[in-house]
Amino acid sequence: MPDKITQIVWTRQARTALHAILDYRYKAFPSARDIVRKDIIFSSKQIVFVDQYQKDEVFPQYKRIVVRDYKLLYKAKNNVVYILNVVCTKASFSIKPN
């Protein structure tokens, strides 16, 4: 049986990236900002098993969840998922997440 997740933790980097993306892309559209934010956070809560999602092509050491135009990069350790970063899929990937 696959290992079940016991906790999901958003790192400071991931929270900062999410807020920066939302502030930049949805500054003029607060209602859209709230919808996208809720979609991203809801998606992170859908992780049930360690190997539920696929490895990222750009950062293969991490798993990814794709939500709209964004990727949540995460890793699991001892059945705890750490959301490491949120990146726009339309952005350059020259900076690695922490």
PDB file of N, CA and C in Angstrom:
ATOM      1  N   MET A   1       0.835  -1.186   0.000  1.00  0.00           N
ATOM      2  CA  MET A   1       0.000   0.000   0.000  1.00  0.00           C
ATOM      3  C   MET A   1       0.881   1.251   0.000  1.00  0.00           C
ATOM      4  N   PRO A   2       0.537   2.259  -0.818  1.00  0.00           N
ATOM      5  CA  PRO A   2       1.350   3.482  -0.874  1.00  0.00           C
ATOM      6  C   PRO A   2       1.342   4.233   0.463  1.00  0.00           C
ATOM      7  N   ASP A   3       2.420   4.973   0.687  1.00  0.00           N
ATOM      8  CA  ASP A   3       2.525   5.760   1.915  1.00  0.00           C
ATOM      9  C   ASP A   3       1.553   6.935   1.873  1.00  0.00           C
ATOM     10  N   LYS A   4       0.727   7.041   2.914  1.00  0.00           N
ATOM     11  CA  LYS A   4      -0.225   8.143   3.011  1.00  0.00           C
ATOM     12  C   LYS A   4       0.436   9.368   3.629  1.00  0.00           C
ATOM     13  N   ILE A   5       0.013  10.525   3.156  1.00  0.00           N
ATOM     14  CA  ILE A   5       0.520  11.792   3.660  1.00  0.00           C
ATOM     15  C   ILE A   5      -0.160  12.112   4.997  1.00  0.00           C
ATOM     16  N   THR A   6       0.630  12.540   5.968  1.00  0.00           N
ATOM     17  CA  THR A   6       0.078  12.889   7.273  1.00  0.00           C
ATOM     18  C   THR A   6      -0.044  14.401   7.470  1.00  0.00           C
ATOM     19  N   GLN A   7       0.730  15.179   6.674  1.00  0.00           N
ATOM     20  CA  GLN A   7       0.710  16.632   6.836  1.00  0.00           C
ATOM     21  C   GLN A   7       1.198  17.287   5.549  1.00  0.00           C
ATOM     22  N   ILE A   8       0.684  18.494   5.274  1.00  0.00           N
ATOM     23  CA  ILE A   8       1.152  19.295   4.139  1.00  0.00           C
ATOM     24  C   ILE A   8       1.634  20.625   4.701  1.00  0.00           C
ATOM     25  N   VAL A   9       2.895  20.964   4.392  1.00  0.00           N
ATOM     26  CA  VAL A   9       3.513  22.177   4.926  1.00  0.00           C
ATOM     27  C   VAL A   9       3.915  23.083   3.763  1.00  0.00           C
ATOM     28  N   TRP A  10       3.465  24.313   3.813  1.00  0.00           N
ATOM     29  CA  TRP A  10       3.888  25.310   2.822  1.00  0.00           C
ATOM     30  C   TRP A  10       5.125  26.017   3.366  1.00  0.00           C
ATOM     31  N   THR A  11       6.224  25.997   2.616  1.00  0.00           N
ATOM     32  CA  THR A  11       7.438  26.693   3.039  1.00  0.00           C
ATOM     33  C   THR A  11       7.258  28.198   2.851  1.00  0.00           C
ATOM     34  N   ARG A  12       8.115  28.945   3.497  1.00  0.00           N
ATOM     35  CA  ARG A  12       8.083  30.406   3.351  1.00  0.00           C
ATOM     36  C   ARG A  12       8.273  30.794   1.886  1.00  0.00           C
ATOM     37  N   GLN A  13       9.188  30.113   1.190  1.00  0.00           N
ATOM     38  CA  GLN A  13       9.425  30.388  -0.228  1.00  0.00           C
ATOM     39  C   GLN A  13       8.147  30.201  -1.048  1.00  0.00           C
ATOM     40  N   ALA A  14       7.424  29.141  -0.798  1.00  0.00           N
ATOM     41  CA  ALA A  14       6.194  28.864  -1.548  1.00  0.00           C
ATOM     42  C   ALA A  14       5.127  29.911  -1.261  1.00  0.00           C
ATOM     43  N   ARG A  15       4.969  30.267  -0.001  1.00  0.00           N
ATOM     44  CA  ARG A  15       3.971  31.295   0.358  1.00  0.00           C
ATOM     45  C   ARG A  15       4.326  32.635  -0.269  1.00  0.00           C
ATOM     46  N   THR A  16       5.610  32.992  -0.218  1.00  0.00           N
ATOM     47  CA  THR A  16       6.061  34.252  -0.799  1.00  0.00           C
ATOM     48  C   THR A  16       5.846  34.265  -2.307  1.00  0.00           C
ATOM     49  N   ALA A  17       6.188  33.162  -2.976  1.00  0.00           N
ATOM     50  CA  ALA A  17       6.016  33.068  -4.427  1.00  0.00           C
ATOM     51  C   ALA A  17       4.542  33.163  -4.811  1.00  0.00           C
ATOM     52  N   LEU A  18       3.691  32.479  -4.070  1.00  0.00           N
ATOM     53  CA  LEU A  18       2.258  32.526  -4.360  1.00  0.00           C
ATOM     54  C   LEU A  18       1.735  33.956  -4.248  1.00  0.00           C
ATOM     55  N   HIS A  19       2.065  34.644  -3.165  1.00  0.00           N
ATOM     56  CA  HIS A  19       1.596  36.016  -2.988  1.00  0.00           C
ATOM     57  C   HIS A  19       2.162  36.952  -4.049  1.00  0.00           C
ATOM     58  N   ALA A  20       3.429  36.766  -4.406  1.00  0.00           N
ATOM     59  CA  ALA A  20       4.042  37.622  -5.431  1.00  0.00           C
ATOM     60  C   ALA A  20       3.358  37.427  -6.785  1.00  0.00           C
ATOM     61  N   ILE A  21       3.093  36.183  -7.137  1.00  0.00           N
ATOM     62  CA  ILE A  21       2.422  35.894  -8.412  1.00  0.00           C
ATOM     63  C   ILE A  21       1.024  36.490  -8.415  1.00  0.00           C
ATOM     64  N   LEU A  22       0.281  36.268  -7.348  1.00  0.00           N
ATOM     65  CA  LEU A  22      -1.086  36.777  -7.285  1.00  0.00           C
ATOM     66  C   LEU A  22      -1.113  38.304  -7.292  1.00  0.00           C
ATOM     67  N   ASP A  23      -0.199  38.930  -6.557  1.00  0.00           N
ATOM     68  CA  ASP A  23      -0.145  40.393  -6.528  1.00  0.00           C
ATOM     69  C   ASP A  23       0.195  40.962  -7.893  1.00  0.00           C
ATOM     70  N   TYR A  24       1.107  40.321  -8.605  1.00  0.00           N
ATOM     71  CA  TYR A  24       1.537  40.808  -9.908  1.00  0.00           C
ATOM     72  C   TYR A  24       0.474  40.585 -10.993  1.00  0.00           C
ATOM     73  N   ARG A  25      -0.046  39.373 -11.070  1.00  0.00           N
ATOM     74  CA  ARG A  25      -0.939  39.028 -12.175  1.00  0.00           C
ATOM     75  C   ARG A  25      -2.392  39.432 -11.956  1.00  0.00           C
ATOM     76  N   TYR A  26      -2.809  39.572 -10.711  1.00  0.00           N
ATOM     77  CA  TYR A  26      -4.230  39.813 -10.443  1.00  0.00           C
ATOM     78  C   TYR A  26      -4.479  41.073  -9.617  1.00  0.00           C
ATOM     79  N   LYS A  27      -3.546  42.017  -9.683  1.00  0.00           N
ATOM     80  CA  LYS A  27      -3.666  43.250  -8.904  1.00  0.00           C
ATOM     81  C   LYS A  27      -4.969  43.983  -9.218  1.00  0.00           C
ATOM     82  N   ALA A  28      -5.323  44.046 -10.480  1.00  0.00           N
ATOM     83  CA  ALA A  28      -6.520  44.774 -10.904  1.00  0.00           C
ATOM     84  C   ALA A  28      -7.799  43.943 -10.810  1.00  0.00           C
ATOM     85  N   PHE A  29      -7.657  42.657 -10.472  1.00  0.00           N
ATOM     86  CA  PHE A  29      -8.816  41.757 -10.444  1.00  0.00           C
ATOM     87  C   PHE A  29      -8.864  40.976  -9.138  1.00  0.00           C
ATOM     88  N   PRO A  30      -9.253  41.623  -8.046  1.00  0.00           N
ATOM     89  CA  PRO A  30      -9.233  40.951  -6.739  1.00  0.00           C
ATOM     90  C   PRO A  30     -10.093  39.692  -6.677  1.00  0.00           C
ATOM     91  N   SER A  31     -11.219  39.666  -7.360  1.00  0.00           N
ATOM     92  CA  SER A  31     -12.072  38.472  -7.298  1.00  0.00           C
ATOM     93  C   SER A  31     -11.400  37.305  -8.016  1.00  0.00           C
ATOM     94  N   ALA A  32     -10.727  37.578  -9.133  1.00  0.00           N
ATOM     95  CA  ALA A  32      -9.990  36.527  -9.848  1.00  0.00           C
ATOM     96  C   ALA A  32      -8.815  36.051  -8.995  1.00  0.00           C
ATOM     97  N   ARG A  33      -8.164  36.964  -8.314  1.00  0.00           N
ATOM     98  CA  ARG A  33      -7.037  36.632  -7.427  1.00  0.00           C
ATOM     99  C   ARG A  33      -7.488  35.623  -6.378  1.00  0.00           C
ATOM    100  N   ASP A  34      -8.640  35.883  -5.763  1.00  0.00           N
ATOM    101  CA  ASP A  34      -9.147  34.991  -4.726  1.00  0.00           C
ATOM    102  C   ASP A  34      -9.471  33.602  -5.277  1.00  0.00           C
ATOM    103  N   ILE A  35     -10.039  33.562  -6.477  1.00  0.00           N
ATOM    104  CA  ILE A  35     -10.394  32.277  -7.092  1.00  0.00           C
ATOM    105  C   ILE A  35      -9.144  31.458  -7.390  1.00  0.00           C
ATOM    106  N   VAL A  36      -8.144  32.085  -7.988  1.00  0.00           N
ATOM    107  CA  VAL A  36      -6.901  31.375  -8.323  1.00  0.00           C
ATOM    108  C   VAL A  36      -6.198  30.913  -7.052  1.00  0.00           C
ATOM    109  N   ARG A  37      -6.151  31.771  -6.050  1.00  0.00           N
ATOM    110  CA  ARG A  37      -5.525  31.413  -4.770  1.00  0.00           C
ATOM    111  C   ARG A  37      -6.206  30.186  -4.165  1.00  0.00           C
ATOM    112  N   LYS A  38      -7.517  30.194  -4.129  1.00  0.00           N
ATOM    113  CA  LYS A  38      -8.264  29.063  -3.575  1.00  0.00           C
ATOM    114  C   LYS A  38      -8.013  27.787  -4.375  1.00  0.00           C
ATOM    115  N   ASP A  39      -7.965  27.897  -5.710  1.00  0.00           N
ATOM    116  CA  ASP A  39      -7.689  26.726  -6.554  1.00  0.00           C
ATOM    117  C   ASP A  39      -6.324  26.124  -6.240  1.00  0.00           C
ATOM    118  N   ILE A  40      -5.322  26.975  -6.084  1.00  0.00           N
ATOM    119  CA  ILE A  40      -3.963  26.499  -5.822  1.00  0.00           C
ATOM    120  C   ILE A  40      -3.883  25.835  -4.443  1.00  0.00           C
ATOM    121  N   ILE A  41      -4.427  26.486  -3.442  1.00  0.00           N
ATOM    122  CA  ILE A  41      -4.377  25.921  -2.092  1.00  0.00           C
ATOM    123  C   ILE A  41      -5.190  24.630  -2.016  1.00  0.00           C
ATOM    124  N   PHE A  42      -6.358  24.602  -2.636  1.00  0.00           N
ATOM    125  CA  PHE A  42      -7.180  23.389  -2.658  1.00  0.00           C
ATOM    126  C   PHE A  42      -6.416  22.230  -3.298  1.00  0.00           C
ATOM    127  N   SER A  43      -5.725  22.500  -4.391  1.00  0.00           N
ATOM    128  CA  SER A  43      -4.970  21.452  -5.084  1.00  0.00           C
ATOM    129  C   SER A  43      -3.889  20.853  -4.196  1.00  0.00           C
ATOM    130  N   SER A  44      -3.237  21.690  -3.404  1.00  0.00           N
ATOM    131  CA  SER A  44      -2.198  21.162  -2.510  1.00  0.00           C
ATOM    132  C   SER A  44      -2.803  20.214  -1.474  1.00  0.00           C
ATOM    133  N   LYS A  45      -4.028  20.461  -1.086  1.00  0.00           N
ATOM    134  CA  LYS A  45      -4.690  19.621  -0.082  1.00  0.00           C
ATOM    135  C   LYS A  45      -5.168  18.288  -0.661  1.00  0.00           C
ATOM    136  N   GLN A  46      -5.081  18.140  -1.972  1.00  0.00           N
ATOM    137  CA  GLN A  46      -5.523  16.907  -2.616  1.00  0.00           C
ATOM    138  C   GLN A  46      -4.425  15.848  -2.669  1.00  0.00           C
ATOM    139  N   ILE A  47      -3.249  16.172  -2.178  1.00  0.00           N
ATOM    140  CA  ILE A  47      -2.166  15.189  -2.136  1.00  0.00           C
ATOM    141  C   ILE A  47      -2.482  14.197  -1.018  1.00  0.00           C
ATOM    142  N   VAL A  48      -2.646  12.936  -1.385  1.00  0.00           N
ATOM    143  CA  VAL A  48      -2.987  11.900  -0.413  1.00  0.00           C
ATOM    144  C   VAL A  48      -1.836  10.917  -0.246  1.00  0.00           C
ATOM    145  N   PHE A  49      -1.154  10.604  -1.365  1.00  0.00           N
ATOM    146  CA  PHE A  49      -0.060   9.638  -1.354  1.00  0.00           C
ATOM    147  C   PHE A  49       1.230  10.307  -1.823  1.00  0.00           C
ATOM    148  N   VAL A  50       2.350   9.835  -1.318  1.00  0.00           N
ATOM    149  CA  VAL A  50       3.655  10.410  -1.636  1.00  0.00           C
ATOM    150  C   VAL A  50       3.901  10.459  -3.147  1.00  0.00           C
ATOM    151  N   ASP A  51       3.612   9.378  -3.849  1.00  0.00           N
ATOM    152  CA  ASP A  51       3.902   9.305  -5.286  1.00  0.00           C
ATOM    153  C   ASP A  51       2.675   9.561  -6.155  1.00  0.00           C
ATOM    154  N   GLN A  52       1.765  10.352  -5.676  1.00  0.00           N
ATOM    155  CA  GLN A  52       0.518  10.596  -6.394  1.00  0.00           C
ATOM    156  C   GLN A  52       0.731  11.387  -7.681  1.00  0.00           C
ATOM    157  N   TYR A  53       1.601  12.360  -7.660  1.00  0.00           N
ATOM    158  CA  TYR A  53       1.813  13.212  -8.829  1.00  0.00           C
ATOM    159  C   TYR A  53       3.149  12.896  -9.483  1.00  0.00           C
ATOM    160  N   GLN A  54       3.334  13.413 -10.699  1.00  0.00           N
ATOM    161  CA  GLN A  54       4.527  13.084 -11.479  1.00  0.00           C
ATOM    162  C   GLN A  54       5.709  13.986 -11.139  1.00  0.00           C
ATOM    163  N   LYS A  55       6.889  13.512 -11.507  1.00  0.00           N
ATOM    164  CA  LYS A  55       8.099  14.310 -11.344  1.00  0.00           C
ATOM    165  C   LYS A  55       8.067  15.466 -12.336  1.00  0.00           C
ATOM    166  N   ASP A  56       8.637  16.565 -11.923  1.00  0.00           N
ATOM    167  CA  ASP A  56       8.718  17.734 -12.790  1.00  0.00           C
ATOM    168  C   ASP A  56       9.819  17.522 -13.820  1.00  0.00           C
ATOM    169  N   GLU A  57       9.614  18.007 -15.040  1.00  0.00           N
ATOM    170  CA  GLU A  57      10.648  17.844 -16.081  1.00  0.00           C
ATOM    171  C   GLU A  57      11.831  18.776 -15.860  1.00  0.00           C
ATOM    172  N   VAL A  58      11.567  19.967 -15.355  1.00  0.00           N
ATOM    173  CA  VAL A  58      12.636  20.951 -15.161  1.00  0.00           C
ATOM    174  C   VAL A  58      13.411  20.666 -13.880  1.00  0.00           C
ATOM    175  N   PHE A  59      12.707  20.298 -12.836  1.00  0.00           N
ATOM    176  CA  PHE A  59      13.315  19.989 -11.541  1.00  0.00           C
ATOM    177  C   PHE A  59      12.941  18.559 -11.156  1.00  0.00           C
ATOM    178  N   PRO A  60      13.598  17.558 -11.738  1.00  0.00           N
ATOM    179  CA  PRO A  60      13.186  16.163 -11.536  1.00  0.00           C
ATOM    180  C   PRO A  60      13.320  15.654 -10.098  1.00  0.00           C
ATOM    181  N   GLN A  61      14.002  16.378  -9.254  1.00  0.00           N
ATOM    182  CA  GLN A  61      14.105  15.964  -7.854  1.00  0.00           C
ATOM    183  C   GLN A  61      12.808  16.270  -7.087  1.00  0.00           C
ATOM    184  N   TYR A  62      11.869  16.983  -7.735  1.00  0.00           N
ATOM    185  CA  TYR A  62      10.606  17.357  -7.109  1.00  0.00           C
ATOM    186  C   TYR A  62       9.421  16.812  -7.877  1.00  0.00           C
ATOM    187  N   LYS A  63       8.314  16.652  -7.175  1.00  0.00           N
ATOM    188  CA  LYS A  63       7.031  16.325  -7.797  1.00  0.00           C
ATOM    189  C   LYS A  63       6.343  17.645  -8.119  1.00  0.00           C
ATOM    190  N   ARG A  64       5.301  17.557  -8.960  1.00  0.00           N
ATOM    191  CA  ARG A  64       4.612  18.791  -9.310  1.00  0.00           C
ATOM    192  C   ARG A  64       3.118  18.561  -9.419  1.00  0.00           C
ATOM    193  N   ILE A  65       2.384  19.622  -9.146  1.00  0.00           N
ATOM    194  CA  ILE A  65       0.948  19.677  -9.387  1.00  0.00           C
ATOM    195  C   ILE A  65       0.744  20.869 -10.306  1.00  0.00           C
ATOM    196  N   VAL A  66       0.038  20.682 -11.393  1.00  0.00           N
ATOM    197  CA  VAL A  66      -0.244  21.782 -12.313  1.00  0.00           C
ATOM    198  C   VAL A  66      -1.658  22.285 -12.028  1.00  0.00           C
ATOM    199  N   VAL A  67      -1.749  23.589 -11.777  1.00  0.00           N
ATOM    200  CA  VAL A  67      -3.031  24.251 -11.512  1.00  0.00           C
ATOM    201  C   VAL A  67      -3.080  25.505 -12.375  1.00  0.00           C
ATOM    202  N   ARG A  68      -3.982  25.493 -13.350  1.00  0.00           N
ATOM    203  CA  ARG A  68      -4.090  26.623 -14.280  1.00  0.00           C
ATOM    204  C   ARG A  68      -2.738  26.861 -14.950  1.00  0.00           C
ATOM    205  N   ASP A  69      -2.165  28.072 -14.784  1.00  0.00           N
ATOM    206  CA  ASP A  69      -0.866  28.409 -15.383  1.00  0.00           C
ATOM    207  C   ASP A  69       0.279  28.270 -14.384  1.00  0.00           C
ATOM    208  N   TYR A  70       0.097  27.473 -13.342  1.00  0.00           N
ATOM    209  CA  TYR A  70       1.069  27.411 -12.260  1.00  0.00           C
ATOM    210  C   TYR A  70       1.435  25.975 -11.920  1.00  0.00           C
ATOM    211  N   LYS A  71       2.635  25.828 -11.377  1.00  0.00           N
ATOM    212  CA  LYS A  71       3.087  24.530 -10.873  1.00  0.00           C
ATOM    213  C   LYS A  71       3.406  24.689  -9.399  1.00  0.00           C
ATOM    214  N   LEU A  72       2.951  23.740  -8.618  1.00  0.00           N
ATOM    215  CA  LEU A  72       3.365  23.636  -7.225  1.00  0.00           C
ATOM    216  C   LEU A  72       4.447  22.573  -7.199  1.00  0.00           C
ATOM    217  N   LEU A  73       5.619  22.934  -6.773  1.00  0.00           N
ATOM    218  CA  LEU A  73       6.722  21.982  -6.652  1.00  0.00           C
ATOM    219  C   LEU A  73       6.800  21.525  -5.203  1.00  0.00           C
ATOM    220  N   TYR A  74       6.890  20.210  -5.020  1.00  0.00           N
ATOM    221  CA  TYR A  74       6.919  19.695  -3.657  1.00  0.00           C
ATOM    222  C   TYR A  74       7.800  18.465  -3.553  1.00  0.00           C
ATOM    223  N   LYS A  75       8.147  18.147  -2.309  1.00  0.00           N
ATOM    224  CA  LYS A  75       8.833  16.894  -2.004  1.00  0.00           C
ATOM    225  C   LYS A  75       8.198  16.337  -0.737  1.00  0.00           C
ATOM    226  N   ALA A  76       8.358  15.047  -0.560  1.00  0.00           N
ATOM    227  CA  ALA A  76       7.808  14.393   0.627  1.00  0.00           C
ATOM    228  C   ALA A  76       8.940  13.764   1.427  1.00  0.00           C
ATOM    229  N   LYS A  77       8.814  13.856   2.730  1.00  0.00           N
ATOM    230  CA  LYS A  77       9.785  13.236   3.626  1.00  0.00           C
ATOM    231  C   LYS A  77       9.035  12.765   4.861  1.00  0.00           C
ATOM    232  N   ASN A  78       9.186  11.486   5.177  1.00  0.00           N
ATOM    233  CA  ASN A  78       8.512  10.897   6.343  1.00  0.00           C
ATOM    234  C   ASN A  78       7.006  11.167   6.325  1.00  0.00           C
ATOM    235  N   ASN A  79       6.408  11.009   5.154  1.00  0.00           N
ATOM    236  CA  ASN A  79       4.963  11.182   4.950  1.00  0.00           C
ATOM    237  C   ASN A  79       4.463  12.607   5.177  1.00  0.00           C
ATOM    238  N   VAL A  80       5.368  13.570   5.153  1.00  0.00           N
ATOM    239  CA  VAL A  80       5.004  14.983   5.209  1.00  0.00           C
ATOM    240  C   VAL A  80       5.361  15.598   3.865  1.00  0.00           C
ATOM    241  N   VAL A  81       4.412  16.300   3.259  1.00  0.00           N
ATOM    242  CA  VAL A  81       4.657  16.975   1.986  1.00  0.00           C
ATOM    243  C   VAL A  81       5.049  18.412   2.271  1.00  0.00           C
ATOM    244  N   TYR A  82       6.129  18.840   1.627  1.00  0.00           N
ATOM    245  CA  TYR A  82       6.601  20.223   1.731  1.00  0.00           C
ATOM    246  C   TYR A  82       6.381  20.892   0.383  1.00  0.00           C
ATOM    247  N   ILE A  83       5.484  21.866   0.329  1.00  0.00           N
ATOM    248  CA  ILE A  83       5.289  22.662  -0.881  1.00  0.00           C
ATOM    249  C   ILE A  83       6.452  23.644  -0.892  1.00  0.00           C
ATOM    250  N   LEU A  84       7.323  23.503  -1.903  1.00  0.00           N
ATOM    251  CA  LEU A  84       8.573  24.260  -1.924  1.00  0.00           C
ATOM    252  C   LEU A  84       8.484  25.564  -2.694  1.00  0.00           C
ATOM    253  N   ASN A  85       7.694  25.557  -3.774  1.00  0.00           N
ATOM    254  CA  ASN A  85       7.638  26.753  -4.603  1.00  0.00           C
ATOM    255  C   ASN A  85       6.394  26.710  -5.474  1.00  0.00           C
ATOM    256  N   VAL A  86       5.957  27.881  -5.887  1.00  0.00           N
ATOM    257  CA  VAL A  86       4.889  28.022  -6.865  1.00  0.00           C
ATOM    258  C   VAL A  86       5.482  28.828  -8.006  1.00  0.00           C
ATOM    259  N   VAL A  87       5.430  28.278  -9.209  1.00  0.00           N
ATOM    260  CA  VAL A  87       6.007  28.976 -10.359  1.00  0.00           C
ATOM    261  C   VAL A  87       4.972  29.065 -11.473  1.00  0.00           C
ATOM    262  N   CYS A  88       5.057  30.143 -12.217  1.00  0.00           N
ATOM    263  CA  CYS A  88       4.194  30.328 -13.376  1.00  0.00           C
ATOM    264  C   CYS A  88       4.757  29.482 -14.509  1.00  0.00           C
ATOM    265  N   THR A  89       3.925  28.720 -15.183  1.00  0.00           N
ATOM    266  CA  THR A  89       4.408  27.862 -16.269  1.00  0.00           C
ATOM    267  C   THR A  89       4.821  28.677 -17.479  1.00  0.00           C
ATOM    268  N   LYS A  90       4.472  29.947 -17.485  1.00  0.00           N
ATOM    269  CA  LYS A  90       4.859  30.830 -18.591  1.00  0.00           C
ATOM    270  C   LYS A  90       6.156  31.570 -18.289  1.00  0.00           C
ATOM    271  N   ALA A  91       6.765  31.304 -17.141  1.00  0.00           N
ATOM    272  CA  ALA A  91       7.972  32.004 -16.712  1.00  0.00           C
ATOM    273  C   ALA A  91       9.222  31.213 -17.065  1.00  0.00           C
ATOM    274  N   SER A  92      10.356  31.873 -16.968  1.00  0.00           N
ATOM    275  CA  SER A  92      11.652  31.230 -17.169  1.00  0.00           C
ATOM    276  C   SER A  92      11.996  30.395 -15.937  1.00  0.00           C
ATOM    277  N   PHE A  93      12.655  29.259 -16.115  1.00  0.00           N
ATOM    278  CA  PHE A  93      12.995  28.381 -15.018  1.00  0.00           C
ATOM    279  C   PHE A  93      14.487  28.396 -14.729  1.00  0.00           C
ATOM    280  N   SER A  94      15.083  29.567 -14.700  1.00  0.00           N
ATOM    281  CA  SER A  94      16.510  29.630 -14.463  1.00  0.00           C
ATOM    282  C   SER A  94      16.861  29.631 -12.976  1.00  0.00           C
ATOM    283  N   ILE A  95      15.883  29.873 -12.103  1.00  0.00           N
ATOM    284  CA  ILE A  95      16.128  29.884 -10.669  1.00  0.00           C
ATOM    285  C   ILE A  95      15.520  28.642 -10.053  1.00  0.00           C
ATOM    286  N   LYS A  96      16.344  27.877  -9.339  1.00  0.00           N
ATOM    287  CA  LYS A  96      15.864  26.649  -8.700  1.00  0.00           C
ATOM    288  C   LYS A  96      15.180  26.988  -7.392  1.00  0.00           C
ATOM    289  N   PRO A  97      14.152  26.182  -7.031  1.00  0.00           N
ATOM    290  CA  PRO A  97      13.526  26.397  -5.724  1.00  0.00           C
ATOM    291  C   PRO A  97      14.456  25.970  -4.610  1.00  0.00           C
ATOM    292  N   ASN A  98      14.181  26.467  -3.398  1.00  0.00           N
ATOM    293  CA  ASN A  98      15.011  26.110  -2.232  1.00  0.00           C
ATOM    294  C   ASN A  98      14.929  24.652  -1.930  1.00  0.00           C
TER     295      ASN A  98
END
